[in-house]
Amino acid sequence: MDRLIQILRNIFIRLEGYFSVVFKVIFGFFGSIFGFFAKIFGFNSSGYYLESDAAQTIKRVSEEPAKTEQKTISETPSFSRRRSQKKVEDYYLNMARDVGKN
């Protein structure tokens, strides 16, 4: 039985090596075709992916100073804690208190 497993492993290793060589050639062929069209249409130039320097610079002209409004009325935070009226939460809180006592 060990011999059969060894034979199967070797077959899979050889098939993997064979397919890697075959697909490498096929994908290389398609890559060269797509690379040719990319060169024709100019997709390989850096200007295709990046904007020009003039488009990247931001010119901001503001003659008016920025207006800031200050809030004079401050809201006082509410310190009352809202607690849900669920019995399930009360049950677990009571259980936690009982465990803490023991």
Protein backbone atom coordinates (compact mmCIF):
# COMPACT_ATOMS: atom_id res chain seq x y z
CA MET A 1 0.00 0.00 0.00
CA ASP A 2 2.88 2.37 0.74
CA ARG A 3 4.28 1.73 -2.71
CA LEU A 4 0.96 2.70 -4.34
CA ILE A 5 0.80 5.96 -2.38
CA GLN A 6 4.38 6.76 -3.40
CA ILE A 7 3.56 6.11 -7.06
CA LEU A 8 0.48 8.37 -6.91
CA ARG A 9 2.46 11.14 -5.24
CA ASN A 10 5.17 10.95 -7.90
CA ILE A 11 2.55 11.04 -10.68
CA PHE A 12 0.96 14.17 -9.24
CA ILE A 13 4.37 15.83 -8.85
CA ARG A 14 5.25 15.05 -12.47
CA LEU A 15 1.85 16.28 -13.73
CA GLU A 16 2.24 19.48 -11.75
CA GLY A 17 5.66 20.09 -13.27
CA TYR A 18 4.40 19.33 -16.78
CA PHE A 19 1.38 21.64 -16.50
CA SER A 20 3.47 24.44 -15.03
CA VAL A 21 5.77 24.32 -18.07
CA VAL A 22 2.91 24.08 -20.58
CA PHE A 23 0.80 26.83 -19.03
CA LYS A 24 3.86 29.04 -18.64
CA VAL A 25 4.33 28.91 -22.41
CA ILE A 26 0.63 29.53 -23.10
CA PHE A 27 0.35 32.44 -20.65
CA GLY A 28 3.59 33.88 -21.99
CA PHE A 29 2.13 33.82 -25.48
CA PHE A 30 -1.05 35.62 -24.40
CA GLY A 31 0.99 38.05 -22.34
CA SER A 32 3.08 39.00 -25.34
CA ILE A 33 -0.07 39.57 -27.43
CA PHE A 34 -1.66 41.79 -24.78
CA GLY A 35 1.66 43.55 -24.25
CA PHE A 36 1.83 44.34 -27.95
CA PHE A 37 -1.62 45.96 -27.89
CA ALA A 38 -0.76 47.80 -24.69
CA LYS A 39 2.24 49.35 -26.42
CA ILE A 40 0.15 50.30 -29.44
CA PHE A 41 -2.54 52.03 -27.39
CA GLY A 42 -0.05 53.61 -25.01
CA PHE A 43 -1.10 51.80 -21.84
CA ASN A 44 2.50 51.18 -20.83
CA SER A 45 3.45 54.87 -20.61
CA SER A 46 3.45 56.50 -17.19
CA GLY A 47 1.24 59.31 -18.44
CA TYR A 48 -1.62 56.86 -18.87
CA TYR A 49 -1.76 56.06 -15.16
CA LEU A 50 -0.68 59.41 -13.68
CA GLU A 51 -2.14 62.83 -14.21
CA SER A 52 0.03 65.62 -15.50
CA ASP A 53 1.77 67.90 -13.02
CA ALA A 54 -0.53 70.80 -13.92
CA ALA A 55 -3.60 68.75 -13.02
CA GLN A 56 -2.11 67.67 -9.71
CA THR A 57 -1.35 71.14 -8.39
CA ILE A 58 -4.14 72.85 -6.52
CA LYS A 59 -4.38 76.60 -6.71
CA ARG A 60 -6.59 78.17 -4.12
CA VAL A 61 -7.43 81.83 -4.41
CA SER A 62 -9.52 83.17 -1.57
CA GLU A 63 -9.83 86.88 -1.08
CA GLU A 64 -12.31 86.56 1.75
CA PRO A 65 -11.05 85.46 5.14
CA ALA A 66 -12.61 82.37 6.54
CA LYS A 67 -15.57 83.09 8.77
CA THR A 68 -15.83 81.28 12.06
CA GLU A 69 -18.95 81.35 14.15
CA GLN A 70 -18.71 80.73 17.84
CA LYS A 71 -21.50 79.04 19.65
CA THR A 72 -22.54 81.07 22.68
CA ILE A 73 -25.15 78.65 23.94
CA SER A 74 -23.60 75.54 25.39
CA GLU A 75 -25.68 72.48 25.92
CA THR A 76 -25.47 70.93 29.35
CA PRO A 77 -25.06 67.20 29.11
CA SER A 78 -27.62 65.02 30.74
CA PHE A 79 -26.22 62.86 33.51
CA SER A 80 -29.28 60.72 34.00
CA ARG A 81 -28.63 57.20 32.85
CA ARG A 82 -31.30 55.57 30.80
CA ARG A 83 -31.84 51.99 31.69
CA SER A 84 -33.87 49.57 29.66
CA GLN A 85 -36.76 47.89 31.35
CA LYS A 86 -36.00 44.43 30.08
CA LYS A 87 -36.43 41.66 32.60
CA VAL A 88 -33.74 39.58 30.93
CA GLU A 89 -31.06 42.17 31.61
CA ASP A 90 -32.22 42.49 35.20
CA TYR A 91 -32.00 38.73 35.56
CA TYR A 92 -28.40 38.65 34.36
CA LEU A 93 -27.45 41.64 36.52
CA ASN A 94 -28.87 39.94 39.59
CA MET A 95 -27.08 36.73 38.69
CA ALA A 96 -23.79 38.63 38.37
CA ARG A 97 -24.33 40.20 41.78
CA ASP A 98 -25.00 36.79 43.30
CA VAL A 99 -21.83 35.37 41.75
CA GLY A 100 -19.86 38.35 43.05
CA LYS A 101 -21.12 37.73 46.58
CA ASN A 102 -19.95 34.10 46.57
